[in-house]
Amino acid sequence: MNPAALSEQLRRSWAIAKKDIRIYYIKGPVLIFGVFMPLFMFLAFLMGSRQLPLSFLISGLVGMTLFFTATAVSPAIFPWEGSARTLERLASCPVTVEAIVFGDMIASTLFGIGITILTVLIGLVLGLSLVHGVTLLFAILLAACCFSAIGMLLAVPPTNVPSNIMMLSSLIKFPLVFISGIFLPLEQMPAWGLVLSACSPLTYFTDLVRYSFTGTHFFSVGTDLAALALFTIVFTAGTMYLHRRTMPQRM
């Protein structure tokens, strides 16, 4: 693809992202799965916690917030548009499948970053000190891209019933939360738990958040960033390839 065509597709992706933000990000699932769900899980854990430090708790909340907000709507956008027959009109336009997917990813990335920054501000208001602010901002940006790619990967099954995708999404997202060191410090996990946690990108983001607030970490900062970057590349490439394969089945 020549640079002019690539630039035009990126412009169309941005138009799709603005459409998604305007239409989908004020829906009920965004508030339920993106904002209230991590908050209520955090409060439930807080009441039953064993006097864990505030920095540990807020770091987990930041990790859950970004993960849930960046994956709250993106899995259901294709089924919603497929059932409304708007996806057919979009696919008939001079826009590639990759540009459509990338536009949806931009919207979920921006939404996730915005809500997560508010959560970080709550932590600062509660008295936490931000030791490594630049690392935190870079980690939020990278993790938002990674989690939005996961959200679009969950939308690959060619169904136009949003509830089917949301059920699949929940079955995958909740186990990832519980193996990612959010509720149990990685230092206290058994060997098999560490193996499982290493398979989750949320583990590395939460580790970076805790490093940003406390200066301590389980993995090295370089390992965390490299793992997030690798997950982002793999999930994005897989999402683009699979949606290109399944798009005709949605029509």
Protein backbone atom coordinates (compact mmCIF):
# COMPACT_ATOMS: atom_id res chain seq x y z
CA MET A 1 0.00 0.00 0.00
CA ASN A 2 1.43 3.37 -1.00
CA PRO A 3 1.80 6.12 1.65
CA ALA A 4 -1.09 8.17 0.25
CA ALA A 5 -3.48 5.21 0.42
CA LEU A 6 -2.26 4.33 3.93
CA SER A 7 -2.82 7.89 5.09
CA GLU A 8 -6.35 7.84 3.65
CA GLN A 9 -7.16 4.54 5.41
CA LEU A 10 -5.87 5.96 8.70
CA ARG A 11 -8.10 8.99 8.24
CA ARG A 12 -11.08 6.67 7.72
CA SER A 13 -10.09 4.67 10.80
CA TRP A 14 -10.21 7.89 12.82
CA ALA A 15 -13.68 8.63 11.40
CA ILE A 16 -14.82 5.14 12.48
CA ALA A 17 -13.33 5.72 15.95
CA LYS A 18 -15.26 8.97 16.34
CA LYS A 19 -18.43 7.18 15.25
CA ASP A 20 -17.87 4.46 17.83
CA ILE A 21 -17.27 6.95 20.62
CA ARG A 22 -20.40 8.88 19.74
CA ILE A 23 -22.69 5.87 19.36
CA TYR A 24 -21.44 3.03 21.52
CA TYR A 25 -19.53 4.41 24.48
CA ILE A 26 -22.60 5.71 26.28
CA LYS A 27 -24.24 2.29 26.27
CA GLY A 28 -25.03 0.32 29.42
CA PRO A 29 -22.30 -2.34 28.95
CA VAL A 30 -19.64 0.37 29.14
CA LEU A 31 -20.77 1.49 32.58
CA ILE A 32 -21.41 -2.02 33.85
CA PHE A 33 -18.38 -3.89 32.54
CA GLY A 34 -16.00 -0.98 32.12
CA VAL A 35 -16.47 1.14 35.23
CA PHE A 36 -18.74 -0.40 37.86
CA MET A 37 -17.47 -3.98 37.55
CA PRO A 38 -13.83 -3.27 38.49
CA LEU A 39 -14.98 -0.80 41.17
CA PHE A 40 -17.29 -3.30 42.87
CA MET A 41 -14.68 -6.05 42.64
CA PHE A 42 -12.16 -3.69 44.22
CA LEU A 43 -14.54 -2.76 47.04
CA ALA A 44 -15.37 -6.41 47.72
CA PHE A 45 -11.69 -7.27 47.88
CA LEU A 46 -10.97 -4.21 50.03
CA MET A 47 -13.47 -5.30 52.67
CA GLY A 48 -11.99 -8.79 52.81
CA SER A 49 -8.33 -7.86 52.39
CA ARG A 50 -5.70 -8.64 54.97
CA GLN A 51 -4.62 -5.05 55.57
CA LEU A 52 -2.77 -4.87 52.27
CA PRO A 53 -1.04 -1.56 51.45
CA LEU A 54 -3.08 1.09 49.67
CA SER A 55 -0.51 1.16 46.86
CA PHE A 56 -1.15 -2.55 46.19
CA LEU A 57 -4.92 -2.08 46.18
CA ILE A 58 -4.97 1.01 43.96
CA SER A 59 -2.51 -0.57 41.54
CA GLY A 60 -4.88 -3.50 41.15
CA LEU A 61 -7.80 -1.15 40.64
CA VAL A 62 -5.91 0.75 37.93
CA GLY A 63 -5.08 -2.53 36.20
CA MET A 64 -8.66 -3.78 36.32
CA THR A 65 -10.05 -0.43 35.19
CA LEU A 66 -7.94 -0.26 32.05
CA PHE A 67 -8.49 -3.93 31.25
CA PHE A 68 -12.27 -3.79 31.61
CA THR A 69 -12.78 -0.39 29.98
CA ALA A 70 -10.61 -1.18 26.95
CA THR A 71 -12.49 -4.46 26.41
CA ALA A 72 -15.98 -3.35 27.46
CA VAL A 73 -17.47 -2.36 24.11
CA SER A 74 -15.06 -3.45 21.38
CA PRO A 75 -16.14 -7.13 21.41
CA ALA A 76 -19.79 -6.16 20.82
CA ILE A 77 -19.39 -3.48 18.14
CA PHE A 78 -19.27 -5.89 15.20
CA PRO A 79 -22.29 -7.92 16.39
CA TRP A 80 -24.25 -4.71 17.05
CA GLU A 81 -23.48 -3.36 13.60
CA GLY A 82 -24.06 -6.73 12.00
CA SER A 83 -27.52 -7.04 13.52
CA ALA A 84 -28.37 -3.46 12.49
CA ARG A 85 -27.05 -4.06 8.94
CA THR A 86 -24.77 -1.04 9.25
CA LEU A 87 -21.68 -3.24 8.95
CA GLU A 88 -22.64 -4.11 5.37
CA ARG A 89 -22.82 -0.43 4.44
CA LEU A 90 -19.48 0.19 6.10
CA ALA A 91 -17.85 -2.75 4.31
CA SER A 92 -19.19 -1.50 0.96
CA CYS A 93 -17.35 1.79 1.43
CA PRO A 94 -13.76 2.26 0.19
CA VAL A 95 -12.31 1.20 3.53
CA THR A 96 -10.30 -1.92 4.30
CA VAL A 97 -11.20 -4.46 6.99
CA GLU A 98 -7.99 -3.52 8.77
CA ALA A 99 -9.03 0.13 8.83
CA ILE A 100 -12.42 -0.78 10.32
CA VAL A 101 -10.82 -2.91 13.03
CA PHE A 102 -8.17 -0.28 13.72
CA GLY A 103 -10.84 2.39 14.10
CA ASP A 104 -12.66 0.28 16.70
CA MET A 105 -9.35 -0.25 18.51
CA ILE A 106 -8.63 3.49 18.58
CA ALA A 107 -11.99 4.18 20.22
CA SER A 108 -11.54 1.55 22.95
CA THR A 109 -7.93 2.66 23.52
CA LEU A 110 -8.91 6.29 24.05
CA PHE A 111 -11.81 5.38 26.32
CA GLY A 112 -9.61 3.08 28.39
CA ILE A 113 -6.90 5.71 28.79
CA GLY A 114 -9.37 8.39 29.83
CA ILE A 115 -11.08 6.33 32.54
CA THR A 116 -7.78 4.93 33.81
CA ILE A 117 -6.26 8.37 34.25
CA LEU A 118 -9.24 9.27 36.44
CA THR A 119 -8.51 6.16 38.55
CA VAL A 120 -4.87 7.21 38.90
CA LEU A 121 -6.00 10.64 40.05
CA ILE A 122 -8.19 8.98 42.70
CA GLY A 123 -5.10 7.18 43.99
CA LEU A 124 -3.18 10.45 44.18
CA VAL A 125 -6.04 12.13 46.04
CA LEU A 126 -6.00 9.26 48.55
CA GLY A 127 -2.37 10.05 49.32
CA LEU A 128 -0.30 7.84 47.02
CA SER A 129 2.85 9.33 45.57
CA LEU A 130 3.71 8.83 41.92
CA VAL A 131 7.35 7.76 41.84
CA HIS A 132 7.69 7.03 38.11
CA GLY A 133 5.07 9.05 36.24
CA VAL A 134 6.60 8.69 32.78
CA THR A 135 6.73 4.91 33.14
CA LEU A 136 3.09 4.87 34.20
CA LEU A 137 1.91 6.98 31.25
CA PHE A 138 3.83 4.82 28.79
CA ALA A 139 2.52 1.65 30.42
CA ILE A 140 -1.09 2.89 30.23
CA LEU A 141 -0.72 3.75 26.54
CA LEU A 142 0.89 0.42 25.66
CA ALA A 143 -1.52 -1.64 27.76
CA ALA A 144 -4.55 0.21 26.36
CA CYS A 145 -3.46 -0.75 22.84
CA CYS A 146 -2.90 -4.34 23.97
CA PHE A 147 -6.25 -4.66 25.75
CA SER A 148 -8.16 -3.05 22.90
CA ALA A 149 -6.61 -5.63 20.57
CA ILE A 150 -7.82 -8.36 22.96
CA GLY A 151 -11.29 -6.86 22.83
CA MET A 152 -11.35 -6.96 19.05
CA LEU A 153 -9.94 -10.49 19.09
CA LEU A 154 -12.93 -11.56 21.20
CA ALA A 155 -15.19 -10.18 18.45
CA VAL A 156 -13.79 -12.54 15.80
CA PRO A 157 -16.59 -15.20 15.95
CA PRO A 158 -18.96 -14.20 13.11
CA THR A 159 -22.14 -13.84 15.12
CA ASN A 160 -24.55 -10.92 15.07
CA VAL A 161 -25.88 -11.65 18.56
CA PRO A 162 -24.05 -9.35 21.02
CA SER A 163 -24.98 -11.46 24.05
CA ASN A 164 -23.05 -14.44 22.64
CA ILE A 165 -19.89 -12.38 22.34
CA MET A 166 -20.33 -10.76 25.76
CA MET A 167 -20.69 -14.21 27.34
CA LEU A 168 -17.51 -15.41 25.63
CA SER A 169 -15.78 -12.20 26.67
CA SER A 170 -16.66 -12.69 30.33
CA LEU A 171 -15.49 -16.31 30.28
CA ILE A 172 -12.06 -15.18 29.11
CA LYS A 173 -11.61 -11.87 30.92
CA PHE A 174 -12.45 -12.90 34.48
CA PRO A 175 -9.92 -15.77 34.68
CA LEU A 176 -7.25 -13.39 33.36
CA VAL A 177 -8.00 -10.96 36.20
CA PHE A 178 -7.62 -13.64 38.88
CA ILE A 179 -4.29 -14.98 37.59
CA SER A 180 -2.67 -11.59 37.04
CA GLY A 181 -1.46 -10.73 40.52
CA ILE A 182 -4.22 -8.21 41.20
CA PHE A 183 -5.72 -9.93 44.26
CA LEU A 184 -2.66 -11.95 45.30
CA PRO A 185 0.91 -10.61 45.14
CA LEU A 186 3.07 -12.46 42.64
CA GLU A 187 5.59 -13.09 45.41
CA GLN A 188 3.03 -15.24 47.22
CA MET A 189 1.97 -17.30 44.23
CA PRO A 190 3.02 -20.95 43.85
CA ALA A 191 5.16 -21.91 40.89
CA TRP A 192 2.18 -23.01 38.77
CA GLY A 193 0.45 -19.73 39.55
CA LEU A 194 3.45 -17.76 38.30
CA VAL A 195 3.43 -19.78 35.08
CA LEU A 196 -0.22 -18.89 34.53
CA SER A 197 0.29 -15.25 35.43
CA ALA A 198 3.13 -14.96 32.93
CA CYS A 199 0.62 -15.79 30.19
CA SER A 200 -1.50 -12.73 30.99
CA PRO A 201 -0.61 -9.25 29.68
CA LEU A 202 -2.52 -7.78 32.63
CA THR A 203 0.18 -9.20 34.93
CA TYR A 204 2.88 -7.05 33.36
CA PHE A 205 0.75 -3.91 33.33
CA THR A 206 -0.17 -4.29 37.00
CA ASP A 207 3.50 -4.85 37.83
CA LEU A 208 4.38 -1.60 36.03
CA VAL A 209 1.64 0.29 37.87
CA ARG A 210 2.95 -0.91 41.23
CA TYR A 211 6.47 0.06 40.22
CA SER A 212 5.20 3.52 39.26
CA PHE A 213 3.62 4.02 42.69
CA THR A 214 6.12 2.24 44.94
CA GLY A 215 9.37 1.80 43.02
CA THR A 216 9.24 -1.98 43.55
CA HIS A 217 8.37 -4.67 41.03
CA PHE A 218 8.41 -8.43 40.50
CA PHE A 219 9.61 -8.51 36.90
CA SER A 220 12.09 -5.96 35.59
CA VAL A 221 10.66 -2.86 33.92
CA GLY A 222 12.23 -3.91 30.63
CA THR A 223 10.60 -7.33 30.86
CA ASP A 224 7.20 -5.82 31.60
CA LEU A 225 7.39 -3.37 28.68
CA ALA A 226 8.77 -5.98 26.28
CA ALA A 227 6.04 -8.47 27.23
CA LEU A 228 3.30 -5.87 26.75
CA ALA A 229 4.76 -4.84 23.39
CA LEU A 230 4.96 -8.47 22.26
CA PHE A 231 1.38 -9.21 23.35
CA THR A 232 0.21 -6.06 21.55
CA ILE A 233 1.89 -7.03 18.28
CA VAL A 234 0.67 -10.63 18.40
CA PHE A 235 -2.91 -9.76 19.34
CA THR A 236 -3.13 -6.95 16.79
CA ALA A 237 -1.76 -9.08 13.97
CA GLY A 238 -4.04 -11.98 14.92
CA THR A 239 -7.05 -9.68 15.12
CA MET A 240 -6.44 -8.18 11.69
CA TYR A 241 -5.90 -11.58 10.07
CA LEU A 242 -8.90 -13.31 11.66
CA HIS A 243 -11.33 -10.45 11.00
CA ARG A 244 -10.25 -10.45 7.36
CA ARG A 245 -11.19 -14.14 7.26
CA THR A 246 -14.52 -13.87 9.09
CA MET A 247 -15.84 -10.57 7.70
CA PRO A 248 -17.54 -12.21 4.65
CA GLN A 249 -19.44 -14.55 7.00
CA ARG A 250 -21.07 -11.57 8.74
CA MET A 251 -22.72 -10.30 5.56
